[in-house]
Structure formats: C-alpha cells, structure tokens
PDB file of N, CA and C in Angstrom:
ATOM      1  N   MET A   1     135.598 -47.112  -0.796  1.00  0.00           N
ATOM      2  CA  MET A   1     135.731 -45.757  -1.108  1.00  0.00           C
ATOM      3  C   MET A   1     136.344 -44.978   0.321  1.00  0.00           C
ATOM      4  N   ALA A   2     137.272 -44.169  -0.064  1.00  0.00           N
ATOM      5  CA  ALA A   2     137.949 -43.333   0.961  1.00  0.00           C
ATOM      6  C   ALA A   2     137.029 -42.556   1.461  1.00  0.00           C
ATOM      7  N   ASN A   3     137.097 -42.146   2.907  1.00  0.00           N
ATOM      8  CA  ASN A   3     135.830 -41.602   3.560  1.00  0.00           C
ATOM      9  C   ASN A   3     136.443 -40.572   4.993  1.00  0.00           C
ATOM     10  N   GLN A   4     137.843 -40.127   4.771  1.00  0.00           N
ATOM     11  CA  GLN A   4     138.422 -39.227   5.763  1.00  0.00           C
ATOM     12  C   GLN A   4     137.407 -38.188   5.803  1.00  0.00           C
ATOM     13  N   PHE A   5     136.861 -37.422   4.790  1.00  0.00           N
ATOM     14  CA  PHE A   5     136.121 -36.270   4.639  1.00  0.00           C
ATOM     15  C   PHE A   5     134.668 -36.456   5.344  1.00  0.00           C
ATOM     16  N   GLY A   6     134.011 -37.344   4.874  1.00  0.00           N
ATOM     17  CA  GLY A   6     132.874 -37.814   5.512  1.00  0.00           C
ATOM     18  C   GLY A   6     132.809 -38.197   7.095  1.00  0.00           C
ATOM     19  N   GLU A   7     133.882 -38.701   7.339  1.00  0.00           N
ATOM     20  CA  GLU A   7     134.180 -39.002   8.889  1.00  0.00           C
ATOM     21  C   GLU A   7     134.222 -37.798   9.704  1.00  0.00           C
ATOM     22  N   ARG A   8     135.132 -36.779   9.081  1.00  0.00           N
ATOM     23  CA  ARG A   8     135.275 -35.446   9.595  1.00  0.00           C
ATOM     24  C   ARG A   8     134.010 -34.588   9.883  1.00  0.00           C
ATOM     25  N   VAL A   9     133.142 -34.692   8.630  1.00  0.00           N
ATOM     26  CA  VAL A   9     131.810 -33.955   8.870  1.00  0.00           C
ATOM     27  C   VAL A   9     131.245 -34.585  10.035  1.00  0.00           C
ATOM     28  N   ARG A  10     130.943 -35.604   9.785  1.00  0.00           N
ATOM     29  CA  ARG A  10     129.879 -36.338  11.141  1.00  0.00           C
ATOM     30  C   ARG A  10     130.769 -35.977  12.238  1.00  0.00           C
ATOM     31  N   GLN A  11     131.903 -35.959  12.491  1.00  0.00           N
ATOM     32  CA  GLN A  11     132.443 -35.795  13.750  1.00  0.00           C
ATOM     33  C   GLN A  11     132.269 -34.110  14.327  1.00  0.00           C
ATOM     34  N   LEU A  12     132.356 -33.233  13.223  1.00  0.00           N
ATOM     35  CA  LEU A  12     132.314 -31.936  13.353  1.00  0.00           C
ATOM     36  C   LEU A  12     130.721 -31.688  13.762  1.00  0.00           C
ATOM     37  N   ARG A  13     129.840 -32.312  12.975  1.00  0.00           N
ATOM     38  CA  ARG A  13     128.229 -32.079  13.133  1.00  0.00           C
ATOM     39  C   ARG A  13     128.061 -32.427  14.427  1.00  0.00           C
ATOM     40  N   GLU A  14     128.441 -33.671  15.031  1.00  0.00           N
ATOM     41  CA  GLU A  14     128.120 -34.228  16.454  1.00  0.00           C
ATOM     42  C   GLU A  14     128.739 -33.388  17.354  1.00  0.00           C
ATOM     43  N   GLN A  15     129.955 -33.098  16.952  1.00  0.00           N
ATOM     44  CA  GLN A  15     130.328 -31.755  18.143  1.00  0.00           C
ATOM     45  C   GLN A  15     129.542 -30.411  18.402  1.00  0.00           C
ATOM     46  N   GLN A  16     128.945 -30.108  17.119  1.00  0.00           N
ATOM     47  CA  GLN A  16     128.473 -28.973  17.173  1.00  0.00           C
ATOM     48  C   GLN A  16     126.766 -29.116  17.638  1.00  0.00           C
ATOM     49  N   LYS A  17     126.495 -30.507  18.115  1.00  0.00           N
ATOM     50  CA  LYS A  17     125.010 -30.993  18.296  1.00  0.00           C
ATOM     51  C   LYS A  17     124.148 -30.635  17.403  1.00  0.00           C
ATOM     52  N   LEU A  18     124.290 -30.918  16.130  1.00  0.00           N
ATOM     53  CA  LEU A  18     123.577 -30.713  14.857  1.00  0.00           C
ATOM     54  C   LEU A  18     123.042 -31.956  14.414  1.00  0.00           C
ATOM     55  N   PHE A  19     121.927 -32.113  13.944  1.00  0.00           N
ATOM     56  CA  PHE A  19     121.167 -33.258  13.396  1.00  0.00           C
ATOM     57  C   PHE A  19     121.460 -33.164  11.807  1.00  0.00           C
ATOM     58  N   LEU A  20     121.247 -34.127  11.282  1.00  0.00           N
ATOM     59  CA  LEU A  20     121.540 -34.199   9.857  1.00  0.00           C
ATOM     60  C   LEU A  20     120.451 -33.314   9.018  1.00  0.00           C
ATOM     61  N   ARG A  21     119.094 -33.152   9.595  1.00  0.00           N
ATOM     62  CA  ARG A  21     118.229 -32.350   9.428  1.00  0.00           C
ATOM     63  C   ARG A  21     118.174 -30.864   9.282  1.00  0.00           C
ATOM     64  N   GLN A  22     119.425 -30.522  10.148  1.00  0.00           N
ATOM     65  CA  GLN A  22     119.747 -29.317  10.271  1.00  0.00           C
ATOM     66  C   GLN A  22     120.532 -28.779   9.264  1.00  0.00           C
ATOM     67  N   VAL A  23     121.417 -29.707   8.956  1.00  0.00           N
ATOM     68  CA  VAL A  23     122.583 -29.389   8.171  1.00  0.00           C
ATOM     69  C   VAL A  23     122.071 -29.494   6.691  1.00  0.00           C
ATOM     70  N   ALA A  24     121.760 -30.431   6.251  1.00  0.00           N
ATOM     71  CA  ALA A  24     121.476 -30.894   5.354  1.00  0.00           C
ATOM     72  C   ALA A  24     120.732 -29.639   4.052  1.00  0.00           C
ATOM     73  N   PRO A  25     119.609 -29.261   4.603  1.00  0.00           N
ATOM     74  CA  PRO A  25     119.038 -27.980   3.835  1.00  0.00           C
ATOM     75  C   PRO A  25     119.955 -26.954   3.591  1.00  0.00           C
ATOM     76  N   LYS A  26     120.928 -26.810   4.206  1.00  0.00           N
ATOM     77  CA  LYS A  26     122.093 -25.615   3.994  1.00  0.00           C
ATOM     78  C   LYS A  26     122.657 -26.048   2.842  1.00  0.00           C
ATOM     79  N   LEU A  27     122.787 -27.085   2.556  1.00  0.00           N
ATOM     80  CA  LEU A  27     123.657 -27.736   1.256  1.00  0.00           C
ATOM     81  C   LEU A  27     122.547 -28.048   0.117  1.00  0.00           C
ATOM     82  N   GLU A  28     121.292 -27.769   0.387  1.00  0.00           N
ATOM     83  CA  GLU A  28     120.261 -27.880  -0.781  1.00  0.00           C
ATOM     84  C   GLU A  28     120.058 -29.430  -0.953  1.00  0.00           C
ATOM     85  N   MET A  29     120.219 -30.390   0.001  1.00  0.00           N
ATOM     86  CA  MET A  29     120.002 -31.703  -0.209  1.00  0.00           C
ATOM     87  C   MET A  29     119.231 -32.222   0.870  1.00  0.00           C
ATOM     88  N   ASP A  30     118.613 -33.502   0.950  1.00  0.00           N
ATOM     89  CA  ASP A  30     117.799 -33.958   2.000  1.00  0.00           C
ATOM     90  C   ASP A  30     119.025 -34.849   3.071  1.00  0.00           C
ATOM     91  N   THR A  31     118.309 -35.225   3.969  1.00  0.00           N
ATOM     92  CA  THR A  31     119.219 -36.012   5.034  1.00  0.00           C
ATOM     93  C   THR A  31     119.839 -37.111   4.710  1.00  0.00           C
ATOM     94  N   ALA A  32     119.091 -38.150   3.836  1.00  0.00           N
ATOM     95  CA  ALA A  32     119.740 -39.123   3.101  1.00  0.00           C
ATOM     96  C   ALA A  32     120.887 -38.966   2.464  1.00  0.00           C
ATOM     97  N   GLN A  33     120.878 -37.711   1.627  1.00  0.00           N
ATOM     98  CA  GLN A  33     122.179 -37.663   0.896  1.00  0.00           C
ATOM     99  C   GLN A  33     123.265 -37.155   1.763  1.00  0.00           C
ATOM    100  N   LEU A  34     123.184 -36.454   2.752  1.00  0.00           N
ATOM    101  CA  LEU A  34     124.078 -36.030   3.700  1.00  0.00           C
ATOM    102  C   LEU A  34     124.722 -37.221   4.620  1.00  0.00           C
ATOM    103  N   SER A  35     123.610 -37.983   4.775  1.00  0.00           N
ATOM    104  CA  SER A  35     123.952 -39.381   5.630  1.00  0.00           C
ATOM    105  C   SER A  35     124.993 -40.271   4.456  1.00  0.00           C
ATOM    106  N   LYS A  36     124.684 -40.378   3.479  1.00  0.00           N
ATOM    107  CA  LYS A  36     125.699 -41.094   2.350  1.00  0.00           C
ATOM    108  C   LYS A  36     126.824 -40.356   2.314  1.00  0.00           C
ATOM    109  N   ILE A  37     127.101 -39.120   2.299  1.00  0.00           N
ATOM    110  CA  ILE A  37     128.292 -38.426   2.414  1.00  0.00           C
ATOM    111  C   ILE A  37     129.089 -38.686   3.531  1.00  0.00           C
ATOM    112  N   GLU A  38     128.190 -38.895   4.738  1.00  0.00           N
ATOM    113  CA  GLU A  38     129.225 -39.097   5.970  1.00  0.00           C
ATOM    114  C   GLU A  38     129.574 -40.506   6.110  1.00  0.00           C
ATOM    115  N   LYS A  39     128.898 -41.341   5.073  1.00  0.00           N
ATOM    116  CA  LYS A  39     129.278 -42.538   5.150  1.00  0.00           C
ATOM    117  C   LYS A  39     130.281 -42.995   4.150  1.00  0.00           C
ATOM    118  N   GLY A  40     130.398 -42.150   3.304  1.00  0.00           N
ATOM    119  CA  GLY A  40     131.668 -42.179   2.132  1.00  0.00           C
ATOM    120  C   GLY A  40     130.885 -42.881   0.943  1.00  0.00           C
ATOM    121  N   LEU A  41     129.517 -43.129   1.161  1.00  0.00           N
ATOM    122  CA  LEU A  41     128.846 -43.485  -0.209  1.00  0.00           C
ATOM    123  C   LEU A  41     128.483 -42.626  -1.235  1.00  0.00           C
ATOM    124  N   ARG A  42     128.638 -41.356  -0.989  1.00  0.00           N
ATOM    125  CA  ARG A  42     128.507 -40.232  -1.927  1.00  0.00           C
ATOM    126  C   ARG A  42     129.520 -39.020  -1.826  1.00  0.00           C
ATOM    127  N   GLN A  43     129.752 -38.296  -2.754  1.00  0.00           N
ATOM    128  CA  GLN A  43     130.834 -37.254  -2.661  1.00  0.00           C
ATOM    129  C   GLN A  43     130.102 -36.183  -2.492  1.00  0.00           C
ATOM    130  N   VAL A  44     130.671 -35.070  -1.851  1.00  0.00           N
ATOM    131  CA  VAL A  44     129.937 -33.726  -1.830  1.00  0.00           C
ATOM    132  C   VAL A  44     130.509 -32.981  -3.099  1.00  0.00           C
ATOM    133  N   LYS A  45     130.084 -32.083  -3.449  1.00  0.00           N
ATOM    134  CA  LYS A  45     130.607 -31.282  -4.571  1.00  0.00           C
ATOM    135  C   LYS A  45     131.436 -30.281  -3.842  1.00  0.00           C
ATOM    136  N   LYS A  46     132.794 -29.926  -4.612  1.00  0.00           N
ATOM    137  CA  LYS A  46     133.697 -29.247  -3.997  1.00  0.00           C
ATOM    138  C   LYS A  46     133.128 -27.691  -3.653  1.00  0.00           C
ATOM    139  N   ASP A  47     132.026 -27.149  -4.144  1.00  0.00           N
ATOM    140  CA  ASP A  47     131.852 -25.737  -3.788  1.00  0.00           C
ATOM    141  C   ASP A  47     130.883 -25.990  -2.599  1.00  0.00           C
ATOM    142  N   GLN A  48     130.516 -27.044  -2.428  1.00  0.00           N
ATOM    143  CA  GLN A  48     130.059 -27.361  -1.197  1.00  0.00           C
ATOM    144  C   GLN A  48     130.646 -27.304   0.222  1.00  0.00           C
ATOM    145  N   ILE A  49     131.907 -27.498  -0.029  1.00  0.00           N
ATOM    146  CA  ILE A  49     132.925 -27.461   0.993  1.00  0.00           C
ATOM    147  C   ILE A  49     132.824 -26.280   2.129  1.00  0.00           C
ATOM    148  N   SER A  50     132.817 -25.285   1.375  1.00  0.00           N
ATOM    149  CA  SER A  50     132.928 -23.807   2.238  1.00  0.00           C
ATOM    150  C   SER A  50     131.699 -23.898   2.838  1.00  0.00           C
ATOM    151  N   ILE A  51     130.405 -23.940   2.449  1.00  0.00           N
ATOM    152  CA  ILE A  51     129.230 -24.080   2.984  1.00  0.00           C
ATOM    153  C   ILE A  51     129.229 -25.062   4.332  1.00  0.00           C
ATOM    154  N   LEU A  52     129.697 -26.135   4.199  1.00  0.00           N
ATOM    155  CA  LEU A  52     130.020 -27.024   5.214  1.00  0.00           C
ATOM    156  C   LEU A  52     131.060 -26.149   6.443  1.00  0.00           C
ATOM    157  N   SER A  53     131.905 -25.724   5.869  1.00  0.00           N
ATOM    158  CA  SER A  53     132.860 -25.237   6.986  1.00  0.00           C
ATOM    159  C   SER A  53     132.107 -24.004   7.813  1.00  0.00           C
ATOM    160  N   ASN A  54     131.374 -23.342   7.046  1.00  0.00           N
ATOM    161  CA  ASN A  54     130.756 -22.407   7.833  1.00  0.00           C
ATOM    162  C   ASN A  54     129.655 -22.737   8.809  1.00  0.00           C
ATOM    163  N   VAL A  55     128.755 -24.012   8.243  1.00  0.00           N
ATOM    164  CA  VAL A  55     127.674 -24.195   9.181  1.00  0.00           C
ATOM    165  C   VAL A  55     128.175 -25.237  10.355  1.00  0.00           C
ATOM    166  N   LEU A  56     129.414 -25.996  10.048  1.00  0.00           N
ATOM    167  CA  LEU A  56     130.268 -26.529  11.028  1.00  0.00           C
ATOM    168  C   LEU A  56     131.187 -25.981  11.766  1.00  0.00           C
ATOM    169  N   LYS A  57     131.608 -24.724  11.293  1.00  0.00           N
ATOM    170  CA  LYS A  57     132.582 -23.860  12.204  1.00  0.00           C
ATOM    171  C   LYS A  57     133.715 -24.490  12.381  1.00  0.00           C
ATOM    172  N   ALA A  58     134.336 -25.339  10.955  1.00  0.00           N
ATOM    173  CA  ALA A  58     135.384 -25.775  10.669  1.00  0.00           C
ATOM    174  C   ALA A  58     136.460 -25.114   9.803  1.00  0.00           C
ATOM    175  N   ASP A  59     137.618 -25.651   9.767  1.00  0.00           N
ATOM    176  CA  ASP A  59     138.481 -25.079   8.851  1.00  0.00           C
ATOM    177  C   ASP A  59     138.570 -25.547   7.500  1.00  0.00           C
ATOM    178  N   ARG A  60     138.143 -24.510   6.489  1.00  0.00           N
ATOM    179  CA  ARG A  60     137.767 -24.929   5.387  1.00  0.00           C
ATOM    180  C   ARG A  60     139.134 -25.623   4.641  1.00  0.00           C
ATOM    181  N   ASN A  61     140.417 -25.166   4.844  1.00  0.00           N
ATOM    182  CA  ASN A  61     141.226 -25.700   4.405  1.00  0.00           C
ATOM    183  C   ASN A  61     141.460 -27.540   4.852  1.00  0.00           C
ATOM    184  N   GLU A  62     141.143 -27.651   5.839  1.00  0.00           N
ATOM    185  CA  GLU A  62     141.294 -28.930   6.566  1.00  0.00           C
ATOM    186  C   GLU A  62     140.146 -29.864   5.938  1.00  0.00           C
ATOM    187  N   LEU A  63     138.949 -29.241   5.559  1.00  0.00           N
ATOM    188  CA  LEU A  63     137.932 -29.851   4.793  1.00  0.00           C
ATOM    189  C   LEU A  63     138.447 -30.303   3.289  1.00  0.00           C
ATOM    190  N   SER A  64     138.796 -29.089   2.893  1.00  0.00           N
ATOM    191  CA  SER A  64     139.369 -29.205   1.440  1.00  0.00           C
ATOM    192  C   SER A  64     140.462 -30.381   1.179  1.00  0.00           C
ATOM    193  N   THR A  65     141.459 -30.220   1.925  1.00  0.00           N
ATOM    194  CA  THR A  65     142.495 -31.087   1.974  1.00  0.00           C
ATOM    195  C   THR A  65     141.898 -32.981   2.242  1.00  0.00           C
ATOM    196  N   LEU A  66     140.847 -33.099   3.118  1.00  0.00           N
ATOM    197  CA  LEU A  66     140.254 -34.246   3.200  1.00  0.00           C
ATOM    198  C   LEU A  66     139.559 -34.766   2.195  1.00  0.00           C
ATOM    199  N   TRP A  67     138.808 -33.789   1.682  1.00  0.00           N
ATOM    200  CA  TRP A  67     137.989 -34.087   0.279  1.00  0.00           C
ATOM    201  C   TRP A  67     138.734 -34.658  -0.728  1.00  0.00           C
ATOM    202  N   LEU A  68     140.100 -33.762  -1.140  1.00  0.00           N
ATOM    203  CA  LEU A  68     141.008 -34.034  -2.352  1.00  0.00           C
ATOM    204  C   LEU A  68     141.477 -35.168  -2.060  1.00  0.00           C
ATOM    205  N   ALA A  69     141.884 -35.555  -0.566  1.00  0.00           N
ATOM    206  CA  ALA A  69     142.681 -36.749  -0.358  1.00  0.00           C
ATOM    207  C   ALA A  69     141.778 -37.772  -0.659  1.00  0.00           C
ATOM    208  N   ASP A  70     140.730 -38.061  -0.274  1.00  0.00           N
ATOM    209  CA  ASP A  70     139.295 -38.766  -0.793  1.00  0.00           C
ATOM    210  C   ASP A  70     139.110 -39.146  -2.101  1.00  0.00           C
ATOM    211  N   GLN A  71     139.462 -38.020  -2.913  1.00  0.00           N
ATOM    212  CA  GLN A  71     139.320 -37.949  -4.381  1.00  0.00           C
ATOM    213  C   GLN A  71     140.417 -38.814  -4.949  1.00  0.00           C
ATOM    214  N   VAL A  72     141.606 -38.496  -4.493  1.00  0.00           N
ATOM    215  CA  VAL A  72     142.954 -39.212  -4.861  1.00  0.00           C
ATOM    216  C   VAL A  72     142.789 -40.537  -4.460  1.00  0.00           C
ATOM    217  N   ALA A  73     142.277 -41.009  -3.514  1.00  0.00           N
ATOM    218  CA  ALA A  73     142.239 -42.335  -2.953  1.00  0.00           C
ATOM    219  C   ALA A  73     141.410 -43.014  -3.722  1.00  0.00           C
ATOM    220  N   ASN A  74     140.148 -42.698  -4.101  1.00  0.00           N
ATOM    221  CA  ASN A  74     139.232 -43.524  -4.748  1.00  0.00           C
ATOM    222  C   ASN A  74     139.586 -43.365  -6.274  1.00  0.00           C
ATOM    223  N   LEU A  75     140.475 -42.480  -6.846  1.00  0.00           N
ATOM    224  CA  LEU A  75     140.894 -42.579  -7.959  1.00  0.00           C
ATOM    225  C   LEU A  75     141.767 -43.557  -8.368  1.00  0.00           C
ATOM    226  N   ILE A  76     142.687 -44.131  -7.464  1.00  0.00           N
ATOM    227  CA  ILE A  76     144.029 -44.943  -7.524  1.00  0.00           C
ATOM    228  C   ILE A  76     143.504 -46.211  -6.993  1.00  0.00           C
ATOM    229  N   GLU A  77     142.527 -46.273  -6.170  1.00  0.00           N
ATOM    230  CA  GLU A  77     141.882 -47.685  -5.581  1.00  0.00           C
ATOM    231  C   GLU A  77     142.089 -48.707  -6.570  1.00  0.00           C
ATOM    232  N   GLY A  78     142.806 -49.693  -6.157  1.00  0.00           N
ATOM    233  CA  GLY A  78     142.861 -51.181  -6.930  1.00  0.00           C
ATOM    234  C   GLY A  78     143.649 -50.996  -8.222  1.00  0.00           C
ATOM    235  N   GLU A  79     144.527 -49.747  -8.224  1.00  0.00           N
ATOM    236  CA  GLU A  79     145.668 -49.553  -9.280  1.00  0.00           C
ATOM    237  C   GLU A  79     146.758 -50.296  -8.632  1.00  0.00           C
ATOM    238  N   PRO A  80     147.550 -51.089  -9.563  1.00  0.00           N
ATOM    239  CA  PRO A  80     148.482 -51.926  -9.062  1.00  0.00           C
ATOM    240  C   PRO A  80     149.895 -51.141  -9.000  1.00  0.00           C
ATOM    241  N   MET A  81     150.038 -49.891  -9.652  1.00  0.00           N
ATOM    242  CA  MET A  81     150.969 -48.890  -9.710  1.00  0.00           C
ATOM    243  C   MET A  81     150.455 -47.711  -8.806  1.00  0.00           C
ATOM    244  N   ALA A  82     149.639 -47.765  -7.914  1.00  0.00           N
ATOM    245  CA  ALA A  82     149.256 -46.472  -7.434  1.00  0.00           C
ATOM    246  C   ALA A  82     150.367 -46.048  -6.453  1.00  0.00           C
ATOM    247  N   ASP A  83     151.207 -46.763  -5.616  1.00  0.00           N
ATOM    248  CA  ASP A  83     152.021 -46.140  -4.779  1.00  0.00           C
ATOM    249  C   ASP A  83     153.146 -45.569  -5.681  1.00  0.00           C
ATOM    250  N   GLU A  84     153.533 -46.184  -6.616  1.00  0.00           N
ATOM    251  CA  GLU A  84     154.669 -45.430  -7.876  1.00  0.00           C
ATOM    252  C   GLU A  84     154.076 -44.193  -8.458  1.00  0.00           C
ATOM    253  N   ALA A  85     153.015 -44.426  -8.630  1.00  0.00           N
ATOM    254  CA  ALA A  85     152.663 -43.030  -9.355  1.00  0.00           C
ATOM    255  C   ALA A  85     152.569 -41.844  -8.188  1.00  0.00           C
ATOM    256  N   LEU A  86     152.059 -42.088  -6.858  1.00  0.00           N
ATOM    257  CA  LEU A  86     151.964 -41.102  -6.012  1.00  0.00           C
ATOM    258  C   LEU A  86     153.409 -40.667  -5.733  1.00  0.00           C
ATOM    259  N   LYS A  87     154.234 -41.387  -5.633  1.00  0.00           N
ATOM    260  CA  LYS A  87     155.819 -41.213  -5.455  1.00  0.00           C
ATOM    261  C   LYS A  87     156.208 -40.207  -6.708  1.00  0.00           C
ATOM    262  N   MET A  88     155.865 -40.398  -7.870  1.00  0.00           N
ATOM    263  CA  MET A  88     155.963 -39.610  -8.956  1.00  0.00           C
ATOM    264  C   MET A  88     155.464 -38.102  -8.741  1.00  0.00           C
ATOM    265  N   VAL A  89     154.085 -38.228  -8.381  1.00  0.00           N
ATOM    266  CA  VAL A  89     153.627 -36.966  -8.167  1.00  0.00           C
ATOM    267  C   VAL A  89     154.240 -36.116  -7.270  1.00  0.00           C
ATOM    268  N   LEU A  90     154.627 -36.533  -6.090  1.00  0.00           N
ATOM    269  CA  LEU A  90     155.211 -36.034  -5.028  1.00  0.00           C
ATOM    270  C   LEU A  90     156.572 -35.446  -5.235  1.00  0.00           C
ATOM    271  N   LYS A  91     157.536 -36.434  -6.387  1.00  0.00           N
ATOM    272  CA  LYS A  91     158.635 -35.903  -6.653  1.00  0.00           C
ATOM    273  C   LYS A  91     158.667 -34.604  -7.602  1.00  0.00           C
ATOM    274  N   ASN A  92     157.555 -34.870  -8.700  1.00  0.00           N
ATOM    275  CA  ASN A  92     157.273 -33.573  -9.488  1.00  0.00           C
ATOM    276  C   ASN A  92     156.911 -32.433  -8.758  1.00  0.00           C
ATOM    277  N   ARG A  93     156.052 -32.472  -7.739  1.00  0.00           N
ATOM    278  CA  ARG A  93     155.607 -31.236  -7.276  1.00  0.00           C
ATOM    279  C   ARG A  93     156.637 -30.695  -6.235  1.00  0.00           C
ATOM    280  N   LYS A  94     157.870 -31.337  -6.034  1.00  0.00           N
ATOM    281  CA  LYS A  94     158.902 -30.908  -4.914  1.00  0.00           C
ATOM    282  C   LYS A  94     159.860 -30.202  -5.907  1.00  0.00           C
ATOM    283  N   ASN A  95     159.931 -30.715  -7.376  1.00  0.00           N
ATOM    284  CA  ASN A  95     160.689 -30.090  -8.244  1.00  0.00           C
ATOM    285  C   ASN A  95     160.389 -28.958  -8.911  1.00  0.00           C
ATOM    286  N   LYS A  96     158.944 -28.433  -8.511  1.00  0.00           N
ATOM    287  CA  LYS A  96     158.329 -27.277  -9.321  1.00  0.00           C
ATOM    288  C   LYS A  96     158.643 -26.144  -8.147  1.00  0.00           C
TER     289      LYS A  96
END
C-alpha cells in the first residue's frame, strides 16, 4: 500500500512536536486510527485533509497531492499494464 501521505503526516506531526493523542481527536478518531494512517494501513477521508493541514500547519495542496498519488498507486498496484495506463492518462491530460 502506497504511503507517501502517511509518512508526510507523521513527519509534520513530529516537527510540530505533537503526539498522536493531540491530533487524532481533531479528526474525530482515536490514536490507533491515526497511527494506521501514518503507517499506510488506513486511508484518511478526503475531507479530513484540510483539517490535517490546519492542525499540522502544512500546505493543503501538498497533502492533497500526496493523498491522491497514494490513491492512484493503490488502485494500480499489481496491474501488469499500470505503466501504460498512466502514460495514457498523462497524454490525455496534456491534450486537454
């Protein structure tokens, strides 16, 4: 499971010297759930990204991009044609 998002959240939380128990309630979850997000074992809901960016004083666009990248990586993981599919997506996006 891709985990760029979770790794960044942990890094930001530690930079702010915040404990899991301080951040988790702001997301309406317990510390175990937030720990799983940081480890890439669970996904955060898209609407929780803005809360995290405020709590962690982080760039919302950066967190959103990492979240989306993880979503795409998880979706195509193990697919034999993943690279070709990504190339097609990029090509189509450039043409629009």
